[in-house]
N, C-alpha and C. Protein backbone atom coordinates (compact mmCIF):
# COMPACT_ATOMS: atom_id res chain seq x y z
N UNK A 1 -20.96 -25.17 12.26
CA UNK A 1 -21.01 -23.74 12.04
C UNK A 1 -22.46 -23.35 11.74
N UNK A 2 -22.94 -22.34 12.45
CA UNK A 2 -24.34 -21.95 12.27
C UNK A 2 -24.47 -20.96 11.10
N UNK A 3 -25.70 -20.70 10.66
CA UNK A 3 -25.92 -19.82 9.51
C UNK A 3 -25.39 -18.39 9.72
N UNK A 4 -25.43 -17.91 10.95
CA UNK A 4 -24.92 -16.56 11.22
C UNK A 4 -23.42 -16.48 10.98
N UNK A 5 -22.69 -17.51 11.35
CA UNK A 5 -21.25 -17.54 11.12
C UNK A 5 -20.93 -17.61 9.63
N UNK A 6 -21.71 -18.40 8.89
CA UNK A 6 -21.52 -18.48 7.44
C UNK A 6 -21.73 -17.12 6.79
N UNK A 7 -22.78 -16.43 7.20
CA UNK A 7 -23.08 -15.10 6.65
C UNK A 7 -21.97 -14.11 6.99
N UNK A 8 -21.46 -14.17 8.21
CA UNK A 8 -20.38 -13.27 8.62
C UNK A 8 -19.12 -13.54 7.80
N UNK A 9 -18.81 -14.80 7.55
CA UNK A 9 -17.63 -15.14 6.75
C UNK A 9 -17.77 -14.63 5.32
N UNK A 10 -18.96 -14.80 4.74
CA UNK A 10 -19.19 -14.32 3.38
C UNK A 10 -19.05 -12.80 3.30
N UNK A 11 -19.59 -12.11 4.28
CA UNK A 11 -19.50 -10.65 4.29
C UNK A 11 -18.07 -10.18 4.49
N UNK A 12 -17.32 -10.85 5.35
CA UNK A 12 -15.92 -10.49 5.57
C UNK A 12 -15.12 -10.69 4.29
N UNK A 13 -15.33 -11.81 3.61
CA UNK A 13 -14.64 -12.08 2.35
C UNK A 13 -14.99 -11.01 1.31
N UNK A 14 -16.27 -10.66 1.22
CA UNK A 14 -16.70 -9.65 0.27
C UNK A 14 -16.06 -8.29 0.57
N UNK A 15 -16.04 -7.90 1.83
CA UNK A 15 -15.40 -6.63 2.20
C UNK A 15 -13.91 -6.65 1.89
N UNK A 16 -13.26 -7.77 2.12
CA UNK A 16 -11.84 -7.89 1.82
C UNK A 16 -11.57 -7.78 0.33
N UNK A 17 -12.40 -8.41 -0.48
CA UNK A 17 -12.24 -8.33 -1.93
C UNK A 17 -12.48 -6.91 -2.44
N UNK A 18 -13.45 -6.21 -1.85
CA UNK A 18 -13.70 -4.82 -2.22
C UNK A 18 -12.46 -3.97 -1.91
N UNK A 19 -11.88 -4.16 -0.74
CA UNK A 19 -10.68 -3.39 -0.36
C UNK A 19 -9.49 -3.71 -1.28
N UNK A 20 -9.30 -4.98 -1.61
CA UNK A 20 -8.19 -5.35 -2.50
C UNK A 20 -8.40 -4.74 -3.88
N UNK A 21 -9.62 -4.82 -4.39
CA UNK A 21 -9.92 -4.22 -5.69
C UNK A 21 -9.70 -2.72 -5.67
N UNK A 22 -10.10 -2.06 -4.59
CA UNK A 22 -9.87 -0.63 -4.45
C UNK A 22 -8.39 -0.29 -4.43
N UNK A 23 -7.61 -1.10 -3.74
CA UNK A 23 -6.16 -0.87 -3.68
C UNK A 23 -5.53 -1.04 -5.05
N UNK A 24 -5.99 -2.02 -5.82
CA UNK A 24 -5.46 -2.23 -7.17
C UNK A 24 -5.80 -1.04 -8.06
N UNK A 25 -7.05 -0.59 -8.02
CA UNK A 25 -7.46 0.57 -8.83
C UNK A 25 -6.69 1.81 -8.42
N UNK A 26 -6.53 2.04 -7.14
CA UNK A 26 -5.80 3.21 -6.65
C UNK A 26 -4.34 3.16 -7.12
N UNK A 27 -3.71 2.02 -6.98
CA UNK A 27 -2.32 1.87 -7.41
C UNK A 27 -2.18 2.08 -8.91
N UNK A 28 -3.07 1.49 -9.68
CA UNK A 28 -3.04 1.65 -11.13
C UNK A 28 -3.23 3.12 -11.51
N UNK A 29 -4.18 3.78 -10.87
CA UNK A 29 -4.41 5.20 -11.16
C UNK A 29 -3.20 6.06 -10.85
N UNK A 30 -2.55 5.80 -9.74
CA UNK A 30 -1.36 6.56 -9.39
C UNK A 30 -0.20 6.26 -10.33
N UNK A 31 -0.10 5.02 -10.79
CA UNK A 31 0.95 4.68 -11.74
C UNK A 31 0.69 5.35 -13.09
N UNK A 32 -0.55 5.44 -13.49
CA UNK A 32 -0.89 6.14 -14.74
C UNK A 32 -0.54 7.61 -14.62
N UNK A 33 -0.93 8.22 -13.50
CA UNK A 33 -0.63 9.63 -13.29
C UNK A 33 0.87 9.89 -13.23
N UNK A 34 1.62 8.95 -12.70
CA UNK A 34 3.07 9.09 -12.61
C UNK A 34 3.81 8.75 -13.89
N UNK A 35 3.10 8.26 -14.90
CA UNK A 35 3.71 7.94 -16.18
C UNK A 35 4.39 6.59 -16.20
N UNK A 36 4.15 5.74 -15.24
CA UNK A 36 4.77 4.42 -15.19
C UNK A 36 4.04 3.40 -16.06
N UNK A 37 2.77 3.67 -16.36
CA UNK A 37 1.97 2.79 -17.20
C UNK A 37 1.57 3.59 -18.43
N UNK A 38 1.75 2.98 -19.60
CA UNK A 38 1.45 3.69 -20.84
C UNK A 38 -0.04 3.60 -21.13
N UNK A 39 -0.79 4.52 -20.55
CA UNK A 39 -2.21 4.67 -20.82
C UNK A 39 -2.48 6.16 -20.92
N UNK A 40 -3.69 6.49 -21.34
CA UNK A 40 -4.04 7.91 -21.43
C UNK A 40 -3.99 8.52 -20.04
N UNK A 41 -3.32 9.66 -19.94
CA UNK A 41 -3.12 10.34 -18.66
C UNK A 41 -4.46 10.70 -18.01
N UNK A 42 -5.49 10.95 -18.82
CA UNK A 42 -6.80 11.35 -18.29
C UNK A 42 -7.49 10.23 -17.52
N UNK A 43 -7.06 8.99 -17.71
CA UNK A 43 -7.67 7.87 -16.99
C UNK A 43 -7.11 7.71 -15.59
N UNK A 44 -5.99 8.32 -15.30
CA UNK A 44 -5.34 8.14 -14.01
C UNK A 44 -6.17 8.64 -12.84
N UNK A 45 -6.70 9.85 -12.96
CA UNK A 45 -7.47 10.42 -11.85
C UNK A 45 -8.76 9.65 -11.56
N UNK A 46 -9.57 9.32 -12.58
CA UNK A 46 -10.76 8.51 -12.27
C UNK A 46 -10.43 7.15 -11.65
N UNK A 47 -9.39 6.50 -12.14
CA UNK A 47 -8.98 5.22 -11.54
C UNK A 47 -8.59 5.41 -10.08
N UNK A 48 -7.82 6.45 -9.80
CA UNK A 48 -7.38 6.70 -8.43
C UNK A 48 -8.55 7.03 -7.52
N UNK A 49 -9.50 7.83 -7.99
CA UNK A 49 -10.65 8.21 -7.15
C UNK A 49 -11.58 7.02 -6.89
N UNK A 50 -11.81 6.21 -7.93
CA UNK A 50 -12.64 5.02 -7.75
C UNK A 50 -11.95 4.05 -6.79
N UNK A 51 -10.65 3.91 -6.93
CA UNK A 51 -9.90 3.03 -6.04
C UNK A 51 -9.91 3.52 -4.61
N UNK A 52 -9.78 4.83 -4.43
CA UNK A 52 -9.81 5.40 -3.08
C UNK A 52 -11.17 5.16 -2.42
N UNK A 53 -12.23 5.37 -3.18
CA UNK A 53 -13.57 5.12 -2.65
C UNK A 53 -13.76 3.64 -2.33
N UNK A 54 -13.30 2.77 -3.22
CA UNK A 54 -13.43 1.33 -3.00
C UNK A 54 -12.61 0.85 -1.82
N UNK A 55 -11.53 1.52 -1.54
CA UNK A 55 -10.66 1.10 -0.43
C UNK A 55 -11.13 1.66 0.91
N UNK A 56 -11.60 2.91 0.92
CA UNK A 56 -11.93 3.55 2.19
C UNK A 56 -13.42 3.65 2.48
N UNK A 57 -14.22 4.03 1.51
CA UNK A 57 -15.62 4.38 1.78
C UNK A 57 -16.60 3.22 1.65
N UNK A 58 -16.49 2.44 0.61
CA UNK A 58 -17.48 1.39 0.35
C UNK A 58 -17.50 0.32 1.45
N UNK A 59 -16.36 -0.19 1.93
CA UNK A 59 -16.42 -1.19 3.00
C UNK A 59 -17.06 -0.65 4.29
N UNK A 60 -16.78 0.59 4.62
CA UNK A 60 -17.37 1.18 5.83
C UNK A 60 -18.88 1.31 5.65
N UNK A 61 -19.30 1.77 4.48
CA UNK A 61 -20.73 1.93 4.21
C UNK A 61 -21.45 0.58 4.28
N UNK A 62 -20.85 -0.46 3.66
CA UNK A 62 -21.47 -1.79 3.70
C UNK A 62 -21.51 -2.36 5.11
N UNK A 63 -20.45 -2.16 5.87
CA UNK A 63 -20.42 -2.68 7.25
C UNK A 63 -21.51 -2.03 8.10
N UNK A 64 -21.71 -0.74 7.93
CA UNK A 64 -22.78 -0.06 8.67
C UNK A 64 -24.15 -0.56 8.23
N UNK A 65 -24.29 -0.81 6.95
CA UNK A 65 -25.57 -1.26 6.42
C UNK A 65 -25.90 -2.68 6.89
N UNK A 66 -24.87 -3.51 7.02
CA UNK A 66 -25.06 -4.90 7.41
C UNK A 66 -25.09 -5.10 8.91
N UNK A 67 -24.79 -4.09 9.68
CA UNK A 67 -24.71 -4.24 11.13
C UNK A 67 -26.05 -4.71 11.67
N UNK A 68 -25.99 -5.73 12.53
CA UNK A 68 -27.25 -6.25 13.09
C UNK A 68 -27.77 -5.28 14.15
N UNK A 69 -29.10 -5.18 14.21
CA UNK A 69 -29.68 -4.26 15.20
C UNK A 69 -29.45 -4.75 16.62
N UNK A 70 -29.29 -3.81 17.49
CA UNK A 70 -29.10 -4.17 18.91
C UNK A 70 -30.45 -4.48 19.55
N UNK A 71 -30.47 -5.49 20.40
CA UNK A 71 -31.75 -5.85 21.05
C UNK A 71 -32.18 -4.85 22.09
């Protein structure tokens, strides 16, 4: 396996972990807002928004930033 493949695997793993973390935060935020988790109701919206960004926006932004230039 060459160094480029190793780097691609590391980046894919990192993007996957970011998406999973975002999904967990989003789910937790929605559960707080729905009253299923006993936490302060004010924490639900920030958790949900951070989770949404982590799930949808951050991986796309990182993928564009890491994209190799075309020759």
